[in-house]
Amino acid sequence: MTETPNIWSIVIEPDYQCEWYVGEVWVELAGHQWREDTVVDVDQTNFERRLAEQVNIIKDLLSKGDILNYGF
């Protein structure tokens, strides 16, 4: 893969309407952006751990350079 993917997350903290932490993992590659995954949890510690794990899984998949095995 000649281009390095940009991976980031957007976090929505609980409020009066939604009691969960919600995190969206986004990817930008080759001029395209997409939401790759969503993580939801009620416990902040578990949420942060799960979100970091998911970002690392996506980074590992994309760093292998084989787009066909990634699922495009």
C-alpha atoms as a PDB file:
ATOM      1  CA  MET A   1       0.000   0.000   0.000  1.00  0.00           C
ATOM      2  CA  THR A   2       1.552   3.278  -1.033  1.00  0.00           C
ATOM      3  CA  GLU A   3      -0.616   5.534   1.085  1.00  0.00           C
ATOM      4  CA  THR A   4      -0.778   5.519   4.874  1.00  0.00           C
ATOM      5  CA  PRO A   5      -4.328   5.342   6.245  1.00  0.00           C
ATOM      6  CA  ASN A   6      -5.472   7.986   8.693  1.00  0.00           C
ATOM      7  CA  ILE A   7      -7.446   6.430  11.577  1.00  0.00           C
ATOM      8  CA  TRP A   8      -9.249   8.394  14.276  1.00  0.00           C
ATOM      9  CA  SER A   9     -12.144   8.067  16.684  1.00  0.00           C
ATOM     10  CA  ILE A  10     -15.004  10.320  17.688  1.00  0.00           C
ATOM     11  CA  VAL A  11     -16.335   9.870  21.227  1.00  0.00           C
ATOM     12  CA  ILE A  12     -19.774  10.831  22.505  1.00  0.00           C
ATOM     13  CA  GLU A  13     -20.013  10.821  26.284  1.00  0.00           C
ATOM     14  CA  PRO A  14     -23.188   9.897  28.186  1.00  0.00           C
ATOM     15  CA  ASP A  15     -25.800  12.568  28.795  1.00  0.00           C
ATOM     16  CA  TYR A  16     -29.453  12.741  29.782  1.00  0.00           C
ATOM     17  CA  GLN A  17     -30.571  11.262  26.437  1.00  0.00           C
ATOM     18  CA  CYS A  18     -28.059   8.426  26.111  1.00  0.00           C
ATOM     19  CA  GLU A  19     -26.456   6.655  29.072  1.00  0.00           C
ATOM     20  CA  TRP A  20     -23.690   4.989  27.034  1.00  0.00           C
ATOM     21  CA  TYR A  21     -20.256   5.966  25.808  1.00  0.00           C
ATOM     22  CA  VAL A  22     -20.299   5.760  22.020  1.00  0.00           C
ATOM     23  CA  GLY A  23     -17.145   5.762  19.915  1.00  0.00           C
ATOM     24  CA  GLU A  24     -16.941   5.753  16.134  1.00  0.00           C
ATOM     25  CA  VAL A  25     -13.721   4.612  14.467  1.00  0.00           C
ATOM     26  CA  TRP A  26     -13.117   6.416  11.167  1.00  0.00           C
ATOM     27  CA  VAL A  27     -10.637   5.651   8.387  1.00  0.00           C
ATOM     28  CA  GLU A  28      -9.378   7.822   5.544  1.00  0.00           C
ATOM     29  CA  LEU A  29      -7.495   6.158   2.707  1.00  0.00           C
ATOM     30  CA  ALA A  30      -6.957   7.047  -0.941  1.00  0.00           C
ATOM     31  CA  GLY A  31      -9.230  10.081  -0.719  1.00  0.00           C
ATOM     32  CA  HIS A  32     -12.132   8.164   0.818  1.00  0.00           C
ATOM     33  CA  GLN A  33     -13.472   8.344   4.389  1.00  0.00           C
ATOM     34  CA  TRP A  34     -15.693   5.833   6.104  1.00  0.00           C
ATOM     35  CA  ARG A  35     -16.856   4.806   9.557  1.00  0.00           C
ATOM     36  CA  GLU A  36     -15.257   1.434  10.130  1.00  0.00           C
ATOM     37  CA  ASP A  37     -16.699   0.459  13.488  1.00  0.00           C
ATOM     38  CA  THR A  38     -18.733   1.634  16.470  1.00  0.00           C
ATOM     39  CA  VAL A  39     -17.966   0.793  20.106  1.00  0.00           C
ATOM     40  CA  VAL A  40     -20.602   1.196  22.847  1.00  0.00           C
ATOM     41  CA  ASP A  41     -20.226   0.629  26.603  1.00  0.00           C
ATOM     42  CA  VAL A  42     -21.654   1.956  29.863  1.00  0.00           C
ATOM     43  CA  ASP A  43     -18.362   1.760  31.777  1.00  0.00           C
ATOM     44  CA  GLN A  44     -15.771   4.388  30.846  1.00  0.00           C
ATOM     45  CA  THR A  45     -12.744   2.185  31.598  1.00  0.00           C
ATOM     46  CA  ASN A  46     -14.040  -0.715  29.501  1.00  0.00           C
ATOM     47  CA  PHE A  47     -15.099   1.676  26.755  1.00  0.00           C
ATOM     48  CA  GLU A  48     -11.652   3.283  26.497  1.00  0.00           C
ATOM     49  CA  ARG A  49      -9.960  -0.135  26.446  1.00  0.00           C
ATOM     50  CA  ARG A  50     -12.323  -1.533  23.802  1.00  0.00           C
ATOM     51  CA  LEU A  51     -12.025   1.571  21.621  1.00  0.00           C
ATOM     52  CA  ALA A  52      -8.209   1.445  21.750  1.00  0.00           C
ATOM     53  CA  GLU A  53      -8.276  -2.285  20.930  1.00  0.00           C
ATOM     54  CA  GLN A  54     -10.527  -1.708  17.932  1.00  0.00           C
ATOM     55  CA  VAL A  55      -8.346   1.113  16.583  1.00  0.00           C
ATOM     56  CA  ASN A  56      -5.279  -1.146  16.920  1.00  0.00           C
ATOM     57  CA  ILE A  57      -7.028  -4.036  15.148  1.00  0.00           C
ATOM     58  CA  ILE A  58      -7.910  -1.774  12.226  1.00  0.00           C
ATOM     59  CA  LYS A  59      -4.367  -0.343  12.105  1.00  0.00           C
ATOM     60  CA  ASP A  60      -2.930  -3.866  12.025  1.00  0.00           C
ATOM     61  CA  LEU A  61      -5.268  -4.955   9.232  1.00  0.00           C
ATOM     62  CA  LEU A  62      -4.492  -1.908   7.102  1.00  0.00           C
ATOM     63  CA  SER A  63      -0.735  -1.999   7.764  1.00  0.00           C
ATOM     64  CA  LYS A  64      -0.414  -5.454   6.176  1.00  0.00           C
ATOM     65  CA  GLY A  65      -0.946  -3.803   2.801  1.00  0.00           C
ATOM     66  CA  ASP A  66      -3.235  -6.476   1.396  1.00  0.00           C
ATOM     67  CA  ILE A  67      -6.468  -4.640   0.649  1.00  0.00           C
ATOM     68  CA  LEU A  68      -8.137  -7.759  -0.781  1.00  0.00           C
ATOM     69  CA  ASN A  69      -7.890  -9.546   2.565  1.00  0.00           C
ATOM     70  CA  TYR A  70      -9.215  -6.493   4.395  1.00  0.00           C
ATOM     71  CA  GLY A  71     -12.605  -6.713   2.743  1.00  0.00           C
ATOM     72  CA  PHE A  72     -12.823  -3.887   0.237  1.00  0.00           C
END
